[in-house]
Amino acid sequence: MTQDTVISIFQQTLELLVLLISMMLLPALAVGLLVSMFQAATQINEQTLSFIPKLLVTLATLMLAGPYMLQLVATYTRQLIESIPTFIG
């Protein structure tokens, strides 16, 4: 296993992680921004008002995108395991 191979595997892993994390964080970020704009307009400073919608959107995102995310991880893991013989020799 060469240094280039290790760097390539690490790069692919990081790309997959960024994709999975962004799928979870971007909807929560958008809802947080909308709730913050609502709080600024109405001058309501309640912490649970921003927490609960973000939690619900994150759970909904997990329910909707969870199978796709699991498929991505399973495919990457399968490809990584199948390429072990090429890494060895």
PDB file of N, CA and C in Angstrom:
ATOM      1  N   MET A   1       0.857  -1.167   0.000  1.00  0.00           N
ATOM      2  CA  MET A   1       0.000   0.000   0.000  1.00  0.00           C
ATOM      3  C   MET A   1       0.905   1.233   0.000  1.00  0.00           C
ATOM      4  N   THR A   2       0.746   2.030  -1.024  1.00  0.00           N
ATOM      5  CA  THR A   2       1.598   3.208  -1.141  1.00  0.00           C
ATOM      6  C   THR A   2       0.981   4.392  -0.413  1.00  0.00           C
ATOM      7  N   GLN A   3       1.779   5.417  -0.306  1.00  0.00           N
ATOM      8  CA  GLN A   3       1.322   6.631   0.365  1.00  0.00           C
ATOM      9  C   GLN A   3       0.191   7.298  -0.422  1.00  0.00           C
ATOM     10  N   ASP A   4       0.271   7.231  -1.736  1.00  0.00           N
ATOM     11  CA  ASP A   4      -0.785   7.810  -2.577  1.00  0.00           C
ATOM     12  C   ASP A   4      -2.114   7.087  -2.392  1.00  0.00           C
ATOM     13  N   THR A   5      -2.052   5.788  -2.198  1.00  0.00           N
ATOM     14  CA  THR A   5      -3.270   5.006  -1.979  1.00  0.00           C
ATOM     15  C   THR A   5      -3.934   5.392  -0.661  1.00  0.00           C
ATOM     16  N   VAL A   6      -3.130   5.537   0.361  1.00  0.00           N
ATOM     17  CA  VAL A   6      -3.674   5.928   1.673  1.00  0.00           C
ATOM     18  C   VAL A   6      -4.297   7.311   1.603  1.00  0.00           C
ATOM     19  N   ILE A   7      -3.632   8.226   0.933  1.00  0.00           N
ATOM     20  CA  ILE A   7      -4.166   9.583   0.796  1.00  0.00           C
ATOM     21  C   ILE A   7      -5.459   9.567  -0.006  1.00  0.00           C
ATOM     22  N   SER A   8      -5.522   8.738  -1.049  1.00  0.00           N
ATOM     23  CA  SER A   8      -6.729   8.635  -1.863  1.00  0.00           C
ATOM     24  C   SER A   8      -7.910   8.083  -1.052  1.00  0.00           C
ATOM     25  N   ILE A   9      -7.652   7.044  -0.266  1.00  0.00           N
ATOM     26  CA  ILE A   9      -8.705   6.478   0.580  1.00  0.00           C
ATOM     27  C   ILE A   9      -9.178   7.514   1.596  1.00  0.00           C
ATOM     28  N   PHE A  10      -8.241   8.209   2.211  1.00  0.00           N
ATOM     29  CA  PHE A  10      -8.586   9.228   3.198  1.00  0.00           C
ATOM     30  C   PHE A  10      -9.398  10.354   2.557  1.00  0.00           C
ATOM     31  N   GLN A  11      -9.025  10.756   1.348  1.00  0.00           N
ATOM     32  CA  GLN A  11      -9.742  11.818   0.649  1.00  0.00           C
ATOM     33  C   GLN A  11     -11.176  11.391   0.315  1.00  0.00           C
ATOM     34  N   GLN A  12     -11.339  10.173  -0.183  1.00  0.00           N
ATOM     35  CA  GLN A  12     -12.674   9.673  -0.497  1.00  0.00           C
ATOM     36  C   GLN A  12     -13.543   9.577   0.755  1.00  0.00           C
ATOM     37  N   THR A  13     -12.936   9.156   1.861  1.00  0.00           N
ATOM     38  CA  THR A  13     -13.668   9.052   3.117  1.00  0.00           C
ATOM     39  C   THR A  13     -14.127  10.430   3.594  1.00  0.00           C
ATOM     40  N   LEU A  14     -13.236  11.409   3.512  1.00  0.00           N
ATOM     41  CA  LEU A  14     -13.602  12.760   3.925  1.00  0.00           C
ATOM     42  C   LEU A  14     -14.691  13.349   3.033  1.00  0.00           C
ATOM     43  N   GLU A  15     -14.625  13.079   1.740  1.00  0.00           N
ATOM     44  CA  GLU A  15     -15.670  13.568   0.834  1.00  0.00           C
ATOM     45  C   GLU A  15     -17.026  12.968   1.181  1.00  0.00           C
ATOM     46  N   LEU A  16     -17.045  11.679   1.495  1.00  0.00           N
ATOM     47  CA  LEU A  16     -18.292  11.025   1.886  1.00  0.00           C
ATOM     48  C   LEU A  16     -18.819  11.608   3.196  1.00  0.00           C
ATOM     49  N   LEU A  17     -17.929  11.835   4.151  1.00  0.00           N
ATOM     50  CA  LEU A  17     -18.347  12.412   5.426  1.00  0.00           C
ATOM     51  C   LEU A  17     -18.908  13.814   5.258  1.00  0.00           C
ATOM     52  N   VAL A  18     -18.268  14.625   4.440  1.00  0.00           N
ATOM     53  CA  VAL A  18     -18.770  15.983   4.205  1.00  0.00           C
ATOM     54  C   VAL A  18     -20.144  15.937   3.556  1.00  0.00           C
ATOM     55  N   LEU A  19     -20.335  15.024   2.615  1.00  0.00           N
ATOM     56  CA  LEU A  19     -21.640  14.884   1.969  1.00  0.00           C
ATOM     57  C   LEU A  19     -22.710  14.481   2.977  1.00  0.00           C
ATOM     58  N   LEU A  20     -22.412  13.489   3.809  1.00  0.00           N
ATOM     59  CA  LEU A  20     -23.401  13.017   4.780  1.00  0.00           C
ATOM     60  C   LEU A  20     -23.711  14.077   5.836  1.00  0.00           C
ATOM     61  N   ILE A  21     -22.687  14.748   6.307  1.00  0.00           N
ATOM     62  CA  ILE A  21     -22.895  15.770   7.333  1.00  0.00           C
ATOM     63  C   ILE A  21     -23.660  16.956   6.765  1.00  0.00           C
ATOM     64  N   SER A  22     -23.325  17.349   5.540  1.00  0.00           N
ATOM     65  CA  SER A  22     -24.028  18.495   4.958  1.00  0.00           C
ATOM     66  C   SER A  22     -25.495  18.174   4.687  1.00  0.00           C
ATOM     67  N   MET A  23     -25.798  16.906   4.381  1.00  0.00           N
ATOM     68  CA  MET A  23     -27.195  16.531   4.184  1.00  0.00           C
ATOM     69  C   MET A  23     -27.997  16.697   5.469  1.00  0.00           C
ATOM     70  N   MET A  24     -27.331  16.575   6.612  1.00  0.00           N
ATOM     71  CA  MET A  24     -28.024  16.716   7.885  1.00  0.00           C
ATOM     72  C   MET A  24     -28.031  18.175   8.376  1.00  0.00           C
ATOM     73  N   LEU A  25     -26.936  18.884   8.158  1.00  0.00           N
ATOM     74  CA  LEU A  25     -26.803  20.212   8.748  1.00  0.00           C
ATOM     75  C   LEU A  25     -27.463  21.327   7.943  1.00  0.00           C
ATOM     76  N   LEU A  26     -27.465  21.221   6.618  1.00  0.00           N
ATOM     77  CA  LEU A  26     -28.005  22.321   5.820  1.00  0.00           C
ATOM     78  C   LEU A  26     -29.495  22.568   6.051  1.00  0.00           C
ATOM     79  N   PRO A  27     -30.337  21.538   6.122  1.00  0.00           N
ATOM     80  CA  PRO A  27     -31.743  21.835   6.445  1.00  0.00           C
ATOM     81  C   PRO A  27     -31.917  22.447   7.844  1.00  0.00           C
ATOM     82  N   ALA A  28     -31.150  21.960   8.812  1.00  0.00           N
ATOM     83  CA  ALA A  28     -31.240  22.532  10.159  1.00  0.00           C
ATOM     84  C   ALA A  28     -30.744  23.973  10.167  1.00  0.00           C
ATOM     85  N   LEU A  29     -29.723  24.260   9.377  1.00  0.00           N
ATOM     86  CA  LEU A  29     -29.222  25.628   9.279  1.00  0.00           C
ATOM     87  C   LEU A  29     -30.265  26.552   8.666  1.00  0.00           C
ATOM     88  N   ALA A  30     -30.938  26.081   7.616  1.00  0.00           N
ATOM     89  CA  ALA A  30     -31.967  26.896   6.968  1.00  0.00           C
ATOM     90  C   ALA A  30     -33.132  27.172   7.913  1.00  0.00           C
ATOM     91  N   VAL A  31     -33.563  26.158   8.650  1.00  0.00           N
ATOM     92  CA  VAL A  31     -34.669  26.355   9.601  1.00  0.00           C
ATOM     93  C   VAL A  31     -34.228  27.275  10.735  1.00  0.00           C
ATOM     94  N   GLY A  32     -33.004  27.113  11.195  1.00  0.00           N
ATOM     95  CA  GLY A  32     -32.495  27.997  12.238  1.00  0.00           C
ATOM     96  C   GLY A  32     -32.450  29.447  11.797  1.00  0.00           C
ATOM     97  N   LEU A  33     -32.087  29.666  10.539  1.00  0.00           N
ATOM     98  CA  LEU A  33     -32.065  31.026  10.004  1.00  0.00           C
ATOM     99  C   LEU A  33     -33.471  31.611   9.931  1.00  0.00           C
ATOM    100  N   LEU A  34     -34.427  30.807   9.464  1.00  0.00           N
ATOM    101  CA  LEU A  34     -35.811  31.286   9.386  1.00  0.00           C
ATOM    102  C   LEU A  34     -36.378  31.595  10.776  1.00  0.00           C
ATOM    103  N   VAL A  35     -36.100  30.728  11.732  1.00  0.00           N
ATOM    104  CA  VAL A  35     -36.594  30.954  13.095  1.00  0.00           C
ATOM    105  C   VAL A  35     -35.927  32.176  13.698  1.00  0.00           C
ATOM    106  N   SER A  36     -34.651  32.374  13.428  1.00  0.00           N
ATOM    107  CA  SER A  36     -33.955  33.555  13.946  1.00  0.00           C
ATOM    108  C   SER A  36     -34.518  34.834  13.357  1.00  0.00           C
ATOM    109  N   MET A  37     -34.861  34.793  12.058  1.00  0.00           N
ATOM    110  CA  MET A  37     -35.472  35.978  11.450  1.00  0.00           C
ATOM    111  C   MET A  37     -36.847  36.240  12.070  1.00  0.00           C
ATOM    112  N   PHE A  38     -37.599  35.175  12.341  1.00  0.00           N
ATOM    113  CA  PHE A  38     -38.894  35.329  12.995  1.00  0.00           C
ATOM    114  C   PHE A  38     -38.730  35.903  14.404  1.00  0.00           C
ATOM    115  N   GLN A  39     -37.732  35.407  15.133  1.00  0.00           N
ATOM    116  CA  GLN A  39     -37.489  35.906  16.486  1.00  0.00           C
ATOM    117  C   GLN A  39     -37.057  37.362  16.464  1.00  0.00           C
ATOM    118  N   ALA A  40     -36.247  37.737  15.483  1.00  0.00           N
ATOM    119  CA  ALA A  40     -35.814  39.130  15.395  1.00  0.00           C
ATOM    120  C   ALA A  40     -36.985  40.044  15.042  1.00  0.00           C
ATOM    121  N   ALA A  41     -37.884  39.569  14.190  1.00  0.00           N
ATOM    122  CA  ALA A  41     -39.028  40.385  13.785  1.00  0.00           C
ATOM    123  C   ALA A  41     -40.028  40.549  14.925  1.00  0.00           C
ATOM    124  N   THR A  42     -40.217  39.504  15.716  1.00  0.00           N
ATOM    125  CA  THR A  42     -41.207  39.568  16.786  1.00  0.00           C
ATOM    126  C   THR A  42     -40.590  39.855  18.150  1.00  0.00           C
ATOM    127  N   GLN A  43     -39.273  39.900  18.228  1.00  0.00           N
ATOM    128  CA  GLN A  43     -38.524  40.149  19.466  1.00  0.00           C
ATOM    129  C   GLN A  43     -38.849  39.112  20.539  1.00  0.00           C
ATOM    130  N   ILE A  44     -39.044  37.875  20.117  1.00  0.00           N
ATOM    131  CA  ILE A  44     -39.221  36.756  21.040  1.00  0.00           C
ATOM    132  C   ILE A  44     -37.869  36.077  21.194  1.00  0.00           C
ATOM    133  N   ASN A  45     -37.365  35.993  22.404  1.00  0.00           N
ATOM    134  CA  ASN A  45     -36.058  35.395  22.639  1.00  0.00           C
ATOM    135  C   ASN A  45     -36.193  34.118  23.465  1.00  0.00           C
ATOM    136  N   GLU A  46     -36.888  33.175  22.932  1.00  0.00           N
ATOM    137  CA  GLU A  46     -37.076  31.896  23.607  1.00  0.00           C
ATOM    138  C   GLU A  46     -36.155  30.863  22.965  1.00  0.00           C
ATOM    139  N   GLN A  47     -35.343  30.161  23.773  1.00  0.00           N
ATOM    140  CA  GLN A  47     -34.370  29.210  23.245  1.00  0.00           C
ATOM    141  C   GLN A  47     -35.043  27.981  22.630  1.00  0.00           C
ATOM    142  N   THR A  48     -36.122  27.535  23.237  1.00  0.00           N
ATOM    143  CA  THR A  48     -36.782  26.338  22.715  1.00  0.00           C
ATOM    144  C   THR A  48     -37.448  26.606  21.372  1.00  0.00           C
ATOM    145  N   LEU A  49     -37.735  27.854  21.082  1.00  0.00           N
ATOM    146  CA  LEU A  49     -38.353  28.186  19.798  1.00  0.00           C
ATOM    147  C   LEU A  49     -37.405  27.891  18.641  1.00  0.00           C
ATOM    148  N   SER A  50     -36.119  27.989  18.863  1.00  0.00           N
ATOM    149  CA  SER A  50     -35.170  27.679  17.793  1.00  0.00           C
ATOM    150  C   SER A  50     -34.731  26.216  17.845  1.00  0.00           C
ATOM    151  N   PHE A  51     -34.774  25.589  19.003  1.00  0.00           N
ATOM    152  CA  PHE A  51     -34.282  24.225  19.151  1.00  0.00           C
ATOM    153  C   PHE A  51     -35.253  23.196  18.591  1.00  0.00           C
ATOM    154  N   ILE A  52     -36.514  23.312  18.925  1.00  0.00           N
ATOM    155  CA  ILE A  52     -37.508  22.308  18.537  1.00  0.00           C
ATOM    156  C   ILE A  52     -37.673  22.201  17.022  1.00  0.00           C
ATOM    157  N   PRO A  53     -37.803  23.309  16.273  1.00  0.00           N
ATOM    158  CA  PRO A  53     -37.922  23.153  14.806  1.00  0.00           C
ATOM    159  C   PRO A  53     -36.677  22.530  14.172  1.00  0.00           C
ATOM    160  N   LYS A  54     -35.495  22.896  14.677  1.00  0.00           N
ATOM    161  CA  LYS A  54     -34.276  22.298  14.129  1.00  0.00           C
ATOM    162  C   LYS A  54     -34.224  20.805  14.416  1.00  0.00           C
ATOM    163  N   LEU A  55     -34.656  20.415  15.591  1.00  0.00           N
ATOM    164  CA  LEU A  55     -34.689  19.001  15.950  1.00  0.00           C
ATOM    165  C   LEU A  55     -35.669  18.241  15.059  1.00  0.00           C
ATOM    166  N   LEU A  56     -36.843  18.807  14.844  1.00  0.00           N
ATOM    167  CA  LEU A  56     -37.848  18.152  14.007  1.00  0.00           C
ATOM    168  C   LEU A  56     -37.391  18.036  12.554  1.00  0.00           C
ATOM    169  N   VAL A  57     -36.742  19.084  12.038  1.00  0.00           N
ATOM    170  CA  VAL A  57     -36.246  19.036  10.657  1.00  0.00           C
ATOM    171  C   VAL A  57     -35.115  18.029  10.529  1.00  0.00           C
ATOM    172  N   THR A  58     -34.263  17.947  11.536  1.00  0.00           N
ATOM    173  CA  THR A  58     -33.178  16.972  11.502  1.00  0.00           C
ATOM    174  C   THR A  58     -33.732  15.549  11.524  1.00  0.00           C
ATOM    175  N   LEU A  59     -34.727  15.298  12.344  1.00  0.00           N
ATOM    176  CA  LEU A  59     -35.347  13.977  12.379  1.00  0.00           C
ATOM    177  C   LEU A  59     -36.052  13.651  11.066  1.00  0.00           C
ATOM    178  N   ALA A  60     -36.734  14.633  10.492  1.00  0.00           N
ATOM    179  CA  ALA A  60     -37.405  14.417   9.207  1.00  0.00           C
ATOM    180  C   ALA A  60     -36.386  14.151   8.100  1.00  0.00           C
ATOM    181  N   THR A  61     -35.281  14.863   8.145  1.00  0.00           N
ATOM    182  CA  THR A  61     -34.223  14.637   7.160  1.00  0.00           C
ATOM    183  C   THR A  61     -33.649  13.243   7.305  1.00  0.00           C
ATOM    184  N   LEU A  62     -33.457  12.804   8.544  1.00  0.00           N
ATOM    185  CA  LEU A  62     -32.964  11.446   8.773  1.00  0.00           C
ATOM    186  C   LEU A  62     -33.942  10.406   8.239  1.00  0.00           C
ATOM    187  N   MET A  63     -35.229  10.645   8.436  1.00  0.00           N
ATOM    188  CA  MET A  63     -36.222   9.687   7.959  1.00  0.00           C
ATOM    189  C   MET A  63     -36.282   9.648   6.434  1.00  0.00           C
ATOM    190  N   LEU A  64     -36.166  10.814   5.804  1.00  0.00           N
ATOM    191  CA  LEU A  64     -36.278  10.871   4.346  1.00  0.00           C
ATOM    192  C   LEU A  64     -34.977  10.476   3.642  1.00  0.00           C
ATOM    193  N   ALA A  65     -33.854  10.971   4.137  1.00  0.00           N
ATOM    194  CA  ALA A  65     -32.578  10.739   3.464  1.00  0.00           C
ATOM    195  C   ALA A  65     -31.790   9.599   4.083  1.00  0.00           C
ATOM    196  N   GLY A  66     -32.282   9.017   5.161  1.00  0.00           N
ATOM    197  CA  GLY A  66     -31.564   7.947   5.843  1.00  0.00           C
ATOM    198  C   GLY A  66     -31.257   6.750   4.968  1.00  0.00           C
ATOM    199  N   PRO A  67     -32.229   6.232   4.224  1.00  0.00           N
ATOM    200  CA  PRO A  67     -31.915   5.089   3.355  1.00  0.00           C
ATOM    201  C   PRO A  67     -30.851   5.413   2.299  1.00  0.00           C
ATOM    202  N   TYR A  68     -30.922   6.604   1.737  1.00  0.00           N
ATOM    203  CA  TYR A  68     -29.916   7.012   0.752  1.00  0.00           C
ATOM    204  C   TYR A  68     -28.538   7.131   1.397  1.00  0.00           C
ATOM    205  N   MET A  69     -28.489   7.709   2.581  1.00  0.00           N
ATOM    206  CA  MET A  69     -27.218   7.854   3.289  1.00  0.00           C
ATOM    207  C   MET A  69     -26.641   6.487   3.641  1.00  0.00           C
ATOM    208  N   LEU A  70     -27.488   5.589   4.081  1.00  0.00           N
ATOM    209  CA  LEU A  70     -27.038   4.234   4.403  1.00  0.00           C
ATOM    210  C   LEU A  70     -26.539   3.514   3.155  1.00  0.00           C
ATOM    211  N   GLN A  71     -27.204   3.725   2.033  1.00  0.00           N
ATOM    212  CA  GLN A  71     -26.764   3.127   0.781  1.00  0.00           C
ATOM    213  C   GLN A  71     -25.392   3.657   0.382  1.00  0.00           C
ATOM    214  N   LEU A  72     -25.154   4.963   0.553  1.00  0.00           N
ATOM    215  CA  LEU A  72     -23.844   5.537   0.243  1.00  0.00           C
ATOM    216  C   LEU A  72     -22.744   4.915   1.096  1.00  0.00           C
ATOM    217  N   VAL A  73     -23.005   4.791   2.388  1.00  0.00           N
ATOM    218  CA  VAL A  73     -22.000   4.223   3.290  1.00  0.00           C
ATOM    219  C   VAL A  73     -21.768   2.750   2.973  1.00  0.00           C
ATOM    220  N   ALA A  74     -22.821   2.014   2.702  1.00  0.00           N
ATOM    221  CA  ALA A  74     -22.676   0.590   2.390  1.00  0.00           C
ATOM    222  C   ALA A  74     -21.924   0.385   1.080  1.00  0.00           C
ATOM    223  N   THR A  75     -22.214   1.197   0.078  1.00  0.00           N
ATOM    224  CA  THR A  75     -21.516   1.092  -1.200  1.00  0.00           C
ATOM    225  C   THR A  75     -20.038   1.413  -1.045  1.00  0.00           C
ATOM    226  N   TYR A  76     -19.740   2.473  -0.310  1.00  0.00           N
ATOM    227  CA  TYR A  76     -18.337   2.848  -0.100  1.00  0.00           C
ATOM    228  C   TYR A  76     -17.602   1.748   0.672  1.00  0.00           C
ATOM    229  N   THR A  77     -18.239   1.202   1.694  1.00  0.00           N
ATOM    230  CA  THR A  77     -17.613   0.144   2.482  1.00  0.00           C
ATOM    231  C   THR A  77     -17.389  -1.098   1.637  1.00  0.00           C
ATOM    232  N   ARG A  78     -18.366  -1.456   0.815  1.00  0.00           N
ATOM    233  CA  ARG A  78     -18.231  -2.621  -0.056  1.00  0.00           C
ATOM    234  C   ARG A  78     -17.079  -2.425  -1.043  1.00  0.00           C
ATOM    235  N   GLN A  79     -16.986  -1.237  -1.642  1.00  0.00           N
ATOM    236  CA  GLN A  79     -15.897  -0.956  -2.583  1.00  0.00           C
ATOM    237  C   GLN A  79     -14.545  -1.007  -1.882  1.00  0.00           C
ATOM    238  N   LEU A  80     -14.497  -0.499  -0.671  1.00  0.00           N
ATOM    239  CA  LEU A  80     -13.247  -0.493   0.081  1.00  0.00           C
ATOM    240  C   LEU A  80     -12.815  -1.923   0.431  1.00  0.00           C
ATOM    241  N   ILE A  81     -13.756  -2.742   0.855  1.00  0.00           N
ATOM    242  CA  ILE A  81     -13.426  -4.124   1.211  1.00  0.00           C
ATOM    243  C   ILE A  81     -13.040  -4.929  -0.041  1.00  0.00           C
ATOM    244  N   GLU A  82     -13.749  -4.694  -1.155  1.00  0.00           N
ATOM    245  CA  GLU A  82     -13.423  -5.414  -2.388  1.00  0.00           C
ATOM    246  C   GLU A  82     -12.070  -5.014  -2.961  1.00  0.00           C
ATOM    247  N   SER A  83     -11.581  -3.831  -2.626  1.00  0.00           N
ATOM    248  CA  SER A  83     -10.301  -3.383  -3.163  1.00  0.00           C
ATOM    249  C   SER A  83      -9.125  -3.744  -2.261  1.00  0.00           C
ATOM    250  N   ILE A  84      -9.363  -4.477  -1.182  1.00  0.00           N
ATOM    251  CA  ILE A  84      -8.273  -4.891  -0.292  1.00  0.00           C
ATOM    252  C   ILE A  84      -7.223  -5.733  -1.033  1.00  0.00           C
ATOM    253  N   PRO A  85      -7.602  -6.687  -1.896  1.00  0.00           N
ATOM    254  CA  PRO A  85      -6.559  -7.447  -2.603  1.00  0.00           C
ATOM    255  C   PRO A  85      -5.642  -6.573  -3.468  1.00  0.00           C
ATOM    256  N   THR A  86      -6.194  -5.512  -4.041  1.00  0.00           N
ATOM    257  CA  THR A  86      -5.329  -4.625  -4.846  1.00  0.00           C
ATOM    258  C   THR A  86      -4.399  -3.802  -3.968  1.00  0.00           C
ATOM    259  N   PHE A  87      -4.819  -3.541  -2.734  1.00  0.00           N
ATOM    260  CA  PHE A  87      -3.942  -2.804  -1.811  1.00  0.00           C
ATOM    261  C   PHE A  87      -2.778  -3.654  -1.349  1.00  0.00           C
ATOM    262  N   ILE A  88      -3.017  -4.949  -1.186  1.00  0.00           N
ATOM    263  CA  ILE A  88      -1.992  -5.854  -0.665  1.00  0.00           C
ATOM    264  C   ILE A  88      -0.941  -6.145  -1.732  1.00  0.00           C
ATOM    265  N   GLY A  89      -1.391  -6.435  -2.934  1.00  0.00           N
ATOM    266  CA  GLY A  89      -0.429  -6.860  -3.933  1.00  0.00           C
ATOM    267  C   GLY A  89      -0.554  -6.130  -5.163  1.00  0.00           C
TER     268      GLY A  89
END
